[in-house]
Structure formats: C-alpha cells, structure tokens
Amino acid sequence: MRVFAHPLRLDSEGAIATVEQWSPMQAAQVAVGIVSTFAGERELAPQFGIADPVGVGLDADTVAAAIGLCEPDLLLVDVAIDAANADGRQAVALTVAWRDDDDEGQI
C-alpha cells in the first residue's frame, strides 16, 4: 500500500508523492519526522518529537528514547551526531528499520 511521503510534496508529475508503507524509505521519513519535531509542537500528540529539534546538545540516548516513545515499531540501528558547528547546530544521521517480532526490546 502506498502512503503519503513526508514531508508532503508533489512528485515530478504533479501528484502527491508517496512511499510504500513499511518500506525503508518510510522508516527513514518517520525517524526524521520525530527528530525534527519539537516535543509539544503537535497539540494532539504532545509527546511526539524530541526536546531539542534544532540539534543543540543532542545525544544518542535522547534520540533513541524519542524514537522508542514516538514509534515503537522502529528499530534504531545506528545514530551518529556531529559536534556543534559555528552556529551551534548538530547534524544527526540515523539508520533505522522496521522492528520485527524478533527485535522486541533491542533498542
């Protein structure tokens, strides 16, 4: 089944871009959505997101906790966080996959 891509955008033909549900691309888009959303920003889901969406002072444990809380079906495989640059921001690189029953509790 195809679902809307995130962020919502148009494809080259002018249609709403989609990705395959449960695909690696959807997993990556969900993880980016979590890490780039300020906790409390979504009124109907106030715990969705991370306390530091601009990437200043993030650590791997904070990222893992946010992903585990916001999307328990995601398995955080790897996280790399760069030191803050001149404007105080950090780059965050995530590797995620959809969790299967054998992965339960491995984060």
PDB file of N, CA and C in Angstrom:
ATOM      1  N   MET A   1       0.844  -1.160   0.000  1.00  0.00           N
ATOM      2  CA  MET A   1       0.000   0.000   0.000  1.00  0.00           C
ATOM      3  C   MET A   1       0.903   1.241   0.000  1.00  0.00           C
ATOM      4  N   ARG A   2       0.537   2.236  -0.780  1.00  0.00           N
ATOM      5  CA  ARG A   2       1.266   3.482  -0.839  1.00  0.00           C
ATOM      6  C   ARG A   2       0.694   4.462   0.187  1.00  0.00           C
ATOM      7  N   VAL A   3       1.575   5.212   0.849  1.00  0.00           N
ATOM      8  CA  VAL A   3       1.163   6.232   1.815  1.00  0.00           C
ATOM      9  C   VAL A   3       1.859   7.537   1.449  1.00  0.00           C
ATOM     10  N   PHE A   4       1.344   8.655   1.959  1.00  0.00           N
ATOM     11  CA  PHE A   4       1.951   9.947   1.663  1.00  0.00           C
ATOM     12  C   PHE A   4       3.402   9.981   2.118  1.00  0.00           C
ATOM     13  N   ALA A   5       4.248  10.580   1.290  1.00  0.00           N
ATOM     14  CA  ALA A   5       5.638  10.804   1.674  1.00  0.00           C
ATOM     15  C   ALA A   5       5.690  11.945   2.684  1.00  0.00           C
ATOM     16  N   HIS A   6       6.742  11.961   3.459  1.00  0.00           N
ATOM     17  CA  HIS A   6       6.951  13.041   4.421  1.00  0.00           C
ATOM     18  C   HIS A   6       8.310  13.652   4.163  1.00  0.00           C
ATOM     19  N   PRO A   7       8.444  14.942   3.993  1.00  0.00           N
ATOM     20  CA  PRO A   7       7.363  15.914   4.071  1.00  0.00           C
ATOM     21  C   PRO A   7       6.443  15.808   2.861  1.00  0.00           C
ATOM     22  N   LEU A   8       5.213  16.257   3.060  1.00  0.00           N
ATOM     23  CA  LEU A   8       4.230  16.224   1.988  1.00  0.00           C
ATOM     24  C   LEU A   8       4.727  17.102   0.842  1.00  0.00           C
ATOM     25  N   ARG A   9       4.720  16.546  -0.374  1.00  0.00           N
ATOM     26  CA  ARG A   9       5.224  17.269  -1.537  1.00  0.00           C
ATOM     27  C   ARG A   9       4.613  16.668  -2.792  1.00  0.00           C
ATOM     28  N   LEU A  10       4.856  17.328  -3.911  1.00  0.00           N
ATOM     29  CA  LEU A  10       4.401  16.825  -5.200  1.00  0.00           C
ATOM     30  C   LEU A  10       5.549  16.113  -5.898  1.00  0.00           C
ATOM     31  N   ASP A  11       5.223  15.077  -6.659  1.00  0.00           N
ATOM     32  CA  ASP A  11       6.247  14.391  -7.438  1.00  0.00           C
ATOM     33  C   ASP A  11       6.446  15.116  -8.775  1.00  0.00           C
ATOM     34  N   SER A  12       7.279  14.581  -9.624  1.00  0.00           N
ATOM     35  CA  SER A  12       7.604  15.233 -10.898  1.00  0.00           C
ATOM     36  C   SER A  12       6.406  15.331 -11.844  1.00  0.00           C
ATOM     37  N   GLU A  13       5.368  14.556 -11.589  1.00  0.00           N
ATOM     38  CA  GLU A  13       4.169  14.597 -12.434  1.00  0.00           C
ATOM     39  C   GLU A  13       3.055  15.450 -11.826  1.00  0.00           C
ATOM     40  N   GLY A  14       3.327  16.077 -10.695  1.00  0.00           N
ATOM     41  CA  GLY A  14       2.348  16.942 -10.057  1.00  0.00           C
ATOM     42  C   GLY A  14       1.405  16.241  -9.101  1.00  0.00           C
ATOM     43  N   ALA A  15       1.613  14.948  -8.877  1.00  0.00           N
ATOM     44  CA  ALA A  15       0.782  14.197  -7.926  1.00  0.00           C
ATOM     45  C   ALA A  15       1.443  14.234  -6.547  1.00  0.00           C
ATOM     46  N   ILE A  16       0.673  13.937  -5.520  1.00  0.00           N
ATOM     47  CA  ILE A  16       1.247  13.860  -4.172  1.00  0.00           C
ATOM     48  C   ILE A  16       2.225  12.696  -4.126  1.00  0.00           C
ATOM     49  N   ALA A  17       3.442  12.966  -3.651  1.00  0.00           N
ATOM     50  CA  ALA A  17       4.470  11.932  -3.563  1.00  0.00           C
ATOM     51  C   ALA A  17       4.083  10.896  -2.518  1.00  0.00           C
ATOM     52  N   THR A  18       4.348   9.630  -2.836  1.00  0.00           N
ATOM     53  CA  THR A  18       4.034   8.538  -1.919  1.00  0.00           C
ATOM     54  C   THR A  18       5.237   7.626  -1.763  1.00  0.00           C
ATOM     55  N   VAL A  19       5.213   6.829  -0.718  1.00  0.00           N
ATOM     56  CA  VAL A  19       6.200   5.778  -0.490  1.00  0.00           C
ATOM     57  C   VAL A  19       5.446   4.508  -0.121  1.00  0.00           C
ATOM     58  N   GLU A  20       6.096   3.394  -0.256  1.00  0.00           N
ATOM     59  CA  GLU A  20       5.479   2.128   0.117  1.00  0.00           C
ATOM     60  C   GLU A  20       5.447   2.014   1.645  1.00  0.00           C
ATOM     61  N   GLN A  21       4.260   1.685   2.173  1.00  0.00           N
ATOM     62  CA  GLN A  21       4.136   1.504   3.613  1.00  0.00           C
ATOM     63  C   GLN A  21       5.048   0.376   4.070  1.00  0.00           C
ATOM     64  N   TRP A  22       5.706   0.561   5.210  1.00  0.00           N
ATOM     65  CA  TRP A  22       6.633  -0.373   5.838  1.00  0.00           C
ATOM     66  C   TRP A  22       7.949  -0.512   5.067  1.00  0.00           C
ATOM     67  N   SER A  23       8.209   0.391   4.130  1.00  0.00           N
ATOM     68  CA  SER A  23       9.469   0.355   3.381  1.00  0.00           C
ATOM     69  C   SER A  23      10.574   1.043   4.172  1.00  0.00           C
ATOM     70  N   PRO A  24      11.833   0.783   3.809  1.00  0.00           N
ATOM     71  CA  PRO A  24      12.940   1.502   4.450  1.00  0.00           C
ATOM     72  C   PRO A  24      12.811   3.022   4.293  1.00  0.00           C
ATOM     73  N   MET A  25      12.307   3.484   3.164  1.00  0.00           N
ATOM     74  CA  MET A  25      12.139   4.924   2.951  1.00  0.00           C
ATOM     75  C   MET A  25      11.117   5.502   3.918  1.00  0.00           C
ATOM     76  N   GLN A  26      10.029   4.787   4.144  1.00  0.00           N
ATOM     77  CA  GLN A  26       9.039   5.280   5.099  1.00  0.00           C
ATOM     78  C   GLN A  26       9.631   5.286   6.514  1.00  0.00           C
ATOM     79  N   ALA A  27      10.396   4.263   6.860  1.00  0.00           N
ATOM     80  CA  ALA A  27      11.035   4.223   8.185  1.00  0.00           C
ATOM     81  C   ALA A  27      11.934   5.443   8.373  1.00  0.00           C
ATOM     82  N   ALA A  28      12.723   5.762   7.358  1.00  0.00           N
ATOM     83  CA  ALA A  28      13.614   6.920   7.438  1.00  0.00           C
ATOM     84  C   ALA A  28      12.815   8.212   7.579  1.00  0.00           C
ATOM     85  N   GLN A  29      11.723   8.328   6.844  1.00  0.00           N
ATOM     86  CA  GLN A  29      10.911   9.542   6.912  1.00  0.00           C
ATOM     87  C   GLN A  29      10.247   9.696   8.277  1.00  0.00           C
ATOM     88  N   VAL A  30       9.805   8.610   8.858  1.00  0.00           N
ATOM     89  CA  VAL A  30       9.204   8.663  10.197  1.00  0.00           C
ATOM     90  C   VAL A  30      10.254   9.101  11.220  1.00  0.00           C
ATOM     91  N   ALA A  31      11.462   8.535  11.140  1.00  0.00           N
ATOM     92  CA  ALA A  31      12.526   8.886  12.083  1.00  0.00           C
ATOM     93  C   ALA A  31      12.899  10.361  11.962  1.00  0.00           C
ATOM     94  N   VAL A  32      13.019  10.858  10.736  1.00  0.00           N
ATOM     95  CA  VAL A  32      13.333  12.276  10.529  1.00  0.00           C
ATOM     96  C   VAL A  32      12.218  13.146  11.107  1.00  0.00           C
ATOM     97  N   GLY A  33      10.983  12.725  10.920  1.00  0.00           N
ATOM     98  CA  GLY A  33       9.865  13.476  11.485  1.00  0.00           C
ATOM     99  C   GLY A  33       9.934  13.581  12.995  1.00  0.00           C
ATOM    100  N   ILE A  34      10.331  12.504  13.644  1.00  0.00           N
ATOM    101  CA  ILE A  34      10.445  12.511  15.107  1.00  0.00           C
ATOM    102  C   ILE A  34      11.549  13.453  15.550  1.00  0.00           C
ATOM    103  N   VAL A  35      12.726  13.325  14.946  1.00  0.00           N
ATOM    104  CA  VAL A  35      13.889  14.091  15.386  1.00  0.00           C
ATOM    105  C   VAL A  35      13.782  15.571  15.010  1.00  0.00           C
ATOM    106  N   SER A  36      12.968  15.890  14.029  1.00  0.00           N
ATOM    107  CA  SER A  36      12.850  17.296  13.610  1.00  0.00           C
ATOM    108  C   SER A  36      11.595  17.982  14.150  1.00  0.00           C
ATOM    109  N   THR A  37      10.889  17.329  15.049  1.00  0.00           N
ATOM    110  CA  THR A  37       9.681  17.913  15.647  1.00  0.00           C
ATOM    111  C   THR A  37       9.947  18.207  17.117  1.00  0.00           C
ATOM    112  N   PHE A  38       9.626  19.412  17.534  1.00  0.00           N
ATOM    113  CA  PHE A  38       9.783  19.801  18.926  1.00  0.00           C
ATOM    114  C   PHE A  38       8.693  19.145  19.763  1.00  0.00           C
ATOM    115  N   ALA A  39       9.061  18.478  20.834  1.00  0.00           N
ATOM    116  CA  ALA A  39       8.069  17.862  21.727  1.00  0.00           C
ATOM    117  C   ALA A  39       7.102  18.947  22.191  1.00  0.00           C
ATOM    118  N   GLY A  40       5.814  18.686  22.033  1.00  0.00           N
ATOM    119  CA  GLY A  40       4.784  19.650  22.390  1.00  0.00           C
ATOM    120  C   GLY A  40       4.277  20.452  21.202  1.00  0.00           C
ATOM    121  N   GLU A  41       4.970  20.367  20.074  1.00  0.00           N
ATOM    122  CA  GLU A  41       4.577  21.109  18.875  1.00  0.00           C
ATOM    123  C   GLU A  41       3.250  20.610  18.312  1.00  0.00           C
ATOM    124  N   ARG A  42       2.989  19.334  18.397  1.00  0.00           N
ATOM    125  CA  ARG A  42       1.737  18.762  17.899  1.00  0.00           C
ATOM    126  C   ARG A  42       0.751  18.678  19.061  1.00  0.00           C
ATOM    127  N   GLU A  43      -0.254  19.521  19.029  1.00  0.00           N
ATOM    128  CA  GLU A  43      -1.193  19.602  20.149  1.00  0.00           C
ATOM    129  C   GLU A  43      -1.894  18.285  20.441  1.00  0.00           C
ATOM    130  N   LEU A  44      -2.212  17.509  19.396  1.00  0.00           N
ATOM    131  CA  LEU A  44      -2.930  16.253  19.608  1.00  0.00           C
ATOM    132  C   LEU A  44      -1.998  15.096  19.969  1.00  0.00           C
ATOM    133  N   ALA A  45      -0.696  15.312  19.856  1.00  0.00           N
ATOM    134  CA  ALA A  45       0.292  14.305  20.247  1.00  0.00           C
ATOM    135  C   ALA A  45       1.458  15.027  20.913  1.00  0.00           C
ATOM    136  N   PRO A  46       1.249  15.566  22.119  1.00  0.00           N
ATOM    137  CA  PRO A  46       2.248  16.436  22.735  1.00  0.00           C
ATOM    138  C   PRO A  46       3.578  15.770  23.066  1.00  0.00           C
ATOM    139  N   GLN A  47       3.616  14.453  23.167  1.00  0.00           N
ATOM    140  CA  GLN A  47       4.878  13.772  23.464  1.00  0.00           C
ATOM    141  C   GLN A  47       5.638  13.377  22.206  1.00  0.00           C
ATOM    142  N   PHE A  48       5.042  13.600  21.029  1.00  0.00           N
ATOM    143  CA  PHE A  48       5.710  13.273  19.783  1.00  0.00           C
ATOM    144  C   PHE A  48       6.830  14.264  19.551  1.00  0.00           C
ATOM    145  N   GLY A  49       8.001  13.768  19.230  1.00  0.00           N
ATOM    146  CA  GLY A  49       9.134  14.634  18.918  1.00  0.00           C
ATOM    147  C   GLY A  49      10.248  14.501  19.933  1.00  0.00           C
ATOM    148  N   ILE A  50      11.104  15.484  19.892  1.00  0.00           N
ATOM    149  CA  ILE A  50      12.293  15.477  20.720  1.00  0.00           C
ATOM    150  C   ILE A  50      12.429  16.833  21.401  1.00  0.00           C
ATOM    151  N   ALA A  51      13.023  16.870  22.554  1.00  0.00           N
ATOM    152  CA  ALA A  51      13.122  18.117  23.310  1.00  0.00           C
ATOM    153  C   ALA A  51      14.082  19.114  22.664  1.00  0.00           C
ATOM    154  N   ASP A  52      14.871  18.676  21.693  1.00  0.00           N
ATOM    155  CA  ASP A  52      15.879  19.539  21.082  1.00  0.00           C
ATOM    156  C   ASP A  52      15.864  19.401  19.566  1.00  0.00           C
ATOM    157  N   PRO A  53      14.832  19.918  18.879  1.00  0.00           N
ATOM    158  CA  PRO A  53      14.712  19.690  17.443  1.00  0.00           C
ATOM    159  C   PRO A  53      15.726  20.435  16.592  1.00  0.00           C
ATOM    160  N   VAL A  54      16.399  21.440  17.142  1.00  0.00           N
ATOM    161  CA  VAL A  54      17.383  22.176  16.346  1.00  0.00           C
ATOM    162  C   VAL A  54      18.766  21.558  16.439  1.00  0.00           C
ATOM    163  N   GLY A  55      18.907  20.484  17.197  1.00  0.00           N
ATOM    164  CA  GLY A  55      20.168  19.758  17.243  1.00  0.00           C
ATOM    165  C   GLY A  55      21.267  20.461  18.003  1.00  0.00           C
ATOM    166  N   VAL A  56      20.972  20.960  19.168  1.00  0.00           N
ATOM    167  CA  VAL A  56      21.992  21.576  20.014  1.00  0.00           C
ATOM    168  C   VAL A  56      22.036  20.785  21.318  1.00  0.00           C
ATOM    169  N   GLY A  57      23.062  20.004  21.501  1.00  0.00           N
ATOM    170  CA  GLY A  57      23.193  19.229  22.720  1.00  0.00           C
ATOM    171  C   GLY A  57      22.524  17.865  22.686  1.00  0.00           C
ATOM    172  N   LEU A  58      22.244  17.355  21.510  1.00  0.00           N
ATOM    173  CA  LEU A  58      21.642  16.027  21.401  1.00  0.00           C
ATOM    174  C   LEU A  58      22.651  14.941  21.712  1.00  0.00           C
ATOM    175  N   ASP A  59      22.155  13.840  22.225  1.00  0.00           N
ATOM    176  CA  ASP A  59      22.994  12.652  22.392  1.00  0.00           C
ATOM    177  C   ASP A  59      22.209  11.435  21.923  1.00  0.00           C
ATOM    178  N   ALA A  60      22.897  10.337  21.706  1.00  0.00           N
ATOM    179  CA  ALA A  60      22.285   9.131  21.150  1.00  0.00           C
ATOM    180  C   ALA A  60      21.163   8.602  22.039  1.00  0.00           C
ATOM    181  N   ASP A  61      21.320   8.694  23.345  1.00  0.00           N
ATOM    182  CA  ASP A  61      20.281   8.196  24.250  1.00  0.00           C
ATOM    183  C   ASP A  61      18.979   8.985  24.117  1.00  0.00           C
ATOM    184  N   THR A  62      19.083  10.304  23.938  1.00  0.00           N
ATOM    185  CA  THR A  62      17.895  11.136  23.764  1.00  0.00           C
ATOM    186  C   THR A  62      17.176  10.776  22.474  1.00  0.00           C
ATOM    187  N   VAL A  63      17.939  10.588  21.394  1.00  0.00           N
ATOM    188  CA  VAL A  63      17.357  10.213  20.106  1.00  0.00           C
ATOM    189  C   VAL A  63      16.686   8.846  20.212  1.00  0.00           C
ATOM    190  N   ALA A  64      17.361   7.883  20.820  1.00  0.00           N
ATOM    191  CA  ALA A  64      16.808   6.534  20.967  1.00  0.00           C
ATOM    192  C   ALA A  64      15.521   6.559  21.799  1.00  0.00           C
ATOM    193  N   ALA A  65      15.510   7.341  22.874  1.00  0.00           N
ATOM    194  CA  ALA A  65      14.319   7.423  23.722  1.00  0.00           C
ATOM    195  C   ALA A  65      13.143   8.033  22.962  1.00  0.00           C
ATOM    196  N   ALA A  66      13.404   9.083  22.181  1.00  0.00           N
ATOM    197  CA  ALA A  66      12.332   9.726  21.421  1.00  0.00           C
ATOM    198  C   ALA A  66      11.757   8.782  20.371  1.00  0.00           C
ATOM    199  N   ILE A  67      12.616   8.090  19.657  1.00  0.00           N
ATOM    200  CA  ILE A  67      12.131   7.155  18.635  1.00  0.00           C
ATOM    201  C   ILE A  67      11.371   6.009  19.285  1.00  0.00           C
ATOM    202  N   GLY A  68      11.875   5.481  20.385  1.00  0.00           N
ATOM    203  CA  GLY A  68      11.186   4.399  21.088  1.00  0.00           C
ATOM    204  C   GLY A  68       9.818   4.807  21.608  1.00  0.00           C
ATOM    205  N   LEU A  69       9.686   6.041  22.077  1.00  0.00           N
ATOM    206  CA  LEU A  69       8.410   6.530  22.587  1.00  0.00           C
ATOM    207  C   LEU A  69       7.433   6.847  21.462  1.00  0.00           C
ATOM    208  N   CYS A  70       7.931   7.508  20.415  1.00  0.00           N
ATOM    209  CA  CYS A  70       7.048   8.004  19.353  1.00  0.00           C
ATOM    210  C   CYS A  70       6.657   6.947  18.328  1.00  0.00           C
ATOM    211  N   GLU A  71       7.543   6.006  18.072  1.00  0.00           N
ATOM    212  CA  GLU A  71       7.249   4.959  17.076  1.00  0.00           C
ATOM    213  C   GLU A  71       7.901   3.656  17.503  1.00  0.00           C
ATOM    214  N   PRO A  72       7.241   2.906  18.388  1.00  0.00           N
ATOM    215  CA  PRO A  72       7.810   1.663  18.909  1.00  0.00           C
ATOM    216  C   PRO A  72       8.099   0.615  17.839  1.00  0.00           C
ATOM    217  N   ASP A  73       7.500   0.736  16.656  1.00  0.00           N
ATOM    218  CA  ASP A  73       7.769  -0.229  15.586  1.00  0.00           C
ATOM    219  C   ASP A  73       9.078   0.049  14.854  1.00  0.00           C
ATOM    220  N   LEU A  74       9.755   1.159  15.182  1.00  0.00           N
ATOM    221  CA  LEU A  74      11.040   1.473  14.556  1.00  0.00           C
ATOM    222  C   LEU A  74      12.175   0.950  15.416  1.00  0.00           C
ATOM    223  N   LEU A  75      13.152   0.378  14.773  1.00  0.00           N
ATOM    224  CA  LEU A  75      14.369  -0.082  15.431  1.00  0.00           C
ATOM    225  C   LEU A  75      15.486   0.879  15.055  1.00  0.00           C
ATOM    226  N   LEU A  76      16.069   1.549  16.020  1.00  0.00           N
ATOM    227  CA  LEU A  76      17.203   2.440  15.772  1.00  0.00           C
ATOM    228  C   LEU A  76      18.447   1.575  15.674  1.00  0.00           C
ATOM    229  N   VAL A  77      19.000   1.462  14.472  1.00  0.00           N
ATOM    230  CA  VAL A  77      20.158   0.618  14.220  1.00  0.00           C
ATOM    231  C   VAL A  77      21.442   1.360  14.571  1.00  0.00           C
ATOM    232  N   ASP A  78      21.507   2.635  14.184  1.00  0.00           N
ATOM    233  CA  ASP A  78      22.718   3.427  14.433  1.00  0.00           C
ATOM    234  C   ASP A  78      22.351   4.901  14.459  1.00  0.00           C
ATOM    235  N   VAL A  79      23.078   5.660  15.262  1.00  0.00           N
ATOM    236  CA  VAL A  79      22.926   7.113  15.288  1.00  0.00           C
ATOM    237  C   VAL A  79      24.317   7.735  15.382  1.00  0.00           C
ATOM    238  N   ALA A  80      24.551   8.731  14.553  1.00  0.00           N
ATOM    239  CA  ALA A  80      25.809   9.482  14.588  1.00  0.00           C
ATOM    240  C   ALA A  80      25.450  10.952  14.716  1.00  0.00           C
ATOM    241  N   ILE A  81      26.022  11.608  15.709  1.00  0.00           N
ATOM    242  CA  ILE A  81      25.731  13.015  15.958  1.00  0.00           C
ATOM    243  C   ILE A  81      27.035  13.779  15.925  1.00  0.00           C
ATOM    244  N   ASP A  82      27.124  14.747  15.010  1.00  0.00           N
ATOM    245  CA  ASP A  82      28.321  15.573  14.886  1.00  0.00           C
ATOM    246  C   ASP A  82      28.387  16.593  16.014  1.00  0.00           C
ATOM    247  N   ALA A  83      29.598  17.064  16.271  1.00  0.00           N
ATOM    248  CA  ALA A  83      29.774  18.155  17.218  1.00  0.00           C
ATOM    249  C   ALA A  83      29.103  19.401  16.648  1.00  0.00           C
ATOM    250  N   ALA A  84      28.715  20.307  17.510  1.00  0.00           N
ATOM    251  CA  ALA A  84      28.041  21.523  17.074  1.00  0.00           C
ATOM    252  C   ALA A  84      28.937  22.334  16.144  1.00  0.00           C
ATOM    253  N   ASN A  85      28.340  22.883  15.085  1.00  0.00           N
ATOM    254  CA  ASN A  85      29.100  23.724  14.162  1.00  0.00           C
ATOM    255  C   ASN A  85      29.114  25.163  14.671  1.00  0.00           C
ATOM    256  N   ALA A  86      29.561  26.109  13.840  1.00  0.00           N
ATOM    257  CA  ALA A  86      29.723  27.502  14.259  1.00  0.00           C
ATOM    258  C   ALA A  86      28.419  28.140  14.733  1.00  0.00           C
ATOM    259  N   ASP A  87      27.278  27.754  14.145  1.00  0.00           N
ATOM    260  CA  ASP A  87      26.005  28.340  14.588  1.00  0.00           C
ATOM    261  C   ASP A  87      25.346  27.527  15.701  1.00  0.00           C
ATOM    262  N   GLY A  88      26.068  26.534  16.228  1.00  0.00           N
ATOM    263  CA  GLY A  88      25.573  25.768  17.368  1.00  0.00           C
ATOM    264  C   GLY A  88      24.690  24.590  17.027  1.00  0.00           C
ATOM    265  N   ARG A  89      24.567  24.257  15.747  1.00  0.00           N
ATOM    266  CA  ARG A  89      23.714  23.130  15.347  1.00  0.00           C
ATOM    267  C   ARG A  89      24.535  21.861  15.170  1.00  0.00           C
ATOM    268  N   GLN A  90      23.869  20.735  15.337  1.00  0.00           N
ATOM    269  CA  GLN A  90      24.490  19.426  15.161  1.00  0.00           C
ATOM    270  C   GLN A  90      23.782  18.679  14.032  1.00  0.00           C
ATOM    271  N   ALA A  91      24.555  17.945  13.242  1.00  0.00           N
ATOM    272  CA  ALA A  91      23.975  17.072  12.223  1.00  0.00           C
ATOM    273  C   ALA A  91      23.721  15.707  12.860  1.00  0.00           C
ATOM    274  N   VAL A  92      22.569  15.134  12.568  1.00  0.00           N
ATOM    275  CA  VAL A  92      22.196  13.836  13.115  1.00  0.00           C
ATOM    276  C   VAL A  92      21.958  12.884  11.945  1.00  0.00           C
ATOM    277  N   ALA A  93      22.664  11.765  11.936  1.00  0.00           N
ATOM    278  CA  ALA A  93      22.468  10.735  10.906  1.00  0.00           C
ATOM    279  C   ALA A  93      21.902   9.491  11.588  1.00  0.00           C
ATOM    280  N   LEU A  94      20.764   9.021  11.098  1.00  0.00           N
ATOM    281  CA  LEU A  94      20.095   7.867  11.694  1.00  0.00           C
ATOM    282  C   LEU A  94      20.040   6.719  10.703  1.00  0.00           C
ATOM    283  N   THR A  95      20.181   5.523  11.211  1.00  0.00           N
ATOM    284  CA  THR A  95      19.896   4.317  10.449  1.00  0.00           C
ATOM    285  C   THR A  95      18.795   3.601  11.218  1.00  0.00           C
ATOM    286  N   VAL A  96      17.661   3.394  10.550  1.00  0.00           N
ATOM    287  CA  VAL A  96      16.516   2.760  11.200  1.00  0.00           C
ATOM    288  C   VAL A  96      15.960   1.662  10.309  1.00  0.00           C
ATOM    289  N   ALA A  97      15.197   0.800  10.913  1.00  0.00           N
ATOM    290  CA  ALA A  97      14.500  -0.271  10.193  1.00  0.00           C
ATOM    291  C   ALA A  97      13.211  -0.540  10.944  1.00  0.00           C
ATOM    292  N   TRP A  98      12.288  -1.158  10.262  1.00  0.00           N
ATOM    293  CA  TRP A  98      11.066  -1.563  10.950  1.00  0.00           C
ATOM    294  C   TRP A  98      11.380  -2.775  11.822  1.00  0.00           C
ATOM    295  N   ARG A  99      10.920  -2.726  13.023  1.00  0.00           N
ATOM    296  CA  ARG A  99      11.147  -3.800  14.005  1.00  0.00           C
ATOM    297  C   ARG A  99      10.290  -5.000  13.627  1.00  0.00           C
ATOM    298  N   ASP A 100      10.846  -6.195  13.755  1.00  0.00           N
ATOM    299  CA  ASP A 100      10.018  -7.388  13.628  1.00  0.00           C
ATOM    300  C   ASP A 100       9.919  -8.027  15.006  1.00  0.00           C
ATOM    301  N   ASP A 101       9.126  -9.034  15.140  1.00  0.00           N
ATOM    302  CA  ASP A 101       8.881  -9.623  16.463  1.00  0.00           C
ATOM    303  C   ASP A 101      10.148 -10.102  17.139  1.00  0.00           C
ATOM    304  N   ASP A 102      11.164 -10.508  16.358  1.00  0.00           N
ATOM    305  CA  ASP A 102      12.410 -10.979  16.947  1.00  0.00           C
ATOM    306  C   ASP A 102      13.246  -9.868  17.536  1.00  0.00           C
ATOM    307  N   ASP A 103      12.972  -8.614  17.165  1.00  0.00           N
ATOM    308  CA  ASP A 103      13.759  -7.475  17.629  1.00  0.00           C
ATOM    309  C   ASP A 103      13.209  -6.850  18.905  1.00  0.00           C
ATOM    310  N   GLU A 104      12.129  -7.352  19.415  1.00  0.00           N
ATOM    311  CA  GLU A 104      11.444  -6.742  20.551  1.00  0.00           C
ATOM    312  C   GLU A 104      12.423  -6.427  21.679  1.00  0.00           C
ATOM    313  N   GLY A 105      12.462  -5.158  22.059  1.00  0.00           N
ATOM    314  CA  GLY A 105      13.261  -4.725  23.211  1.00  0.00           C
ATOM    315  C   GLY A 105      14.739  -4.554  22.952  1.00  0.00           C
ATOM    316  N   GLN A 106      15.192  -4.516  21.712  1.00  0.00           N
ATOM    317  CA  GLN A 106      16.623  -4.422  21.476  1.00  0.00           C
ATOM    318  C   GLN A 106      17.173  -3.007  21.393  1.00  0.00           C
ATOM    319  N   ILE A 107      16.352  -1.979  21.511  1.00  0.00           N
ATOM    320  CA  ILE A 107      16.883  -0.615  21.433  1.00  0.00           C
ATOM    321  C   ILE A 107      17.618  -0.293  22.702  1.00  0.00           C
TER     322      ILE A 107
END
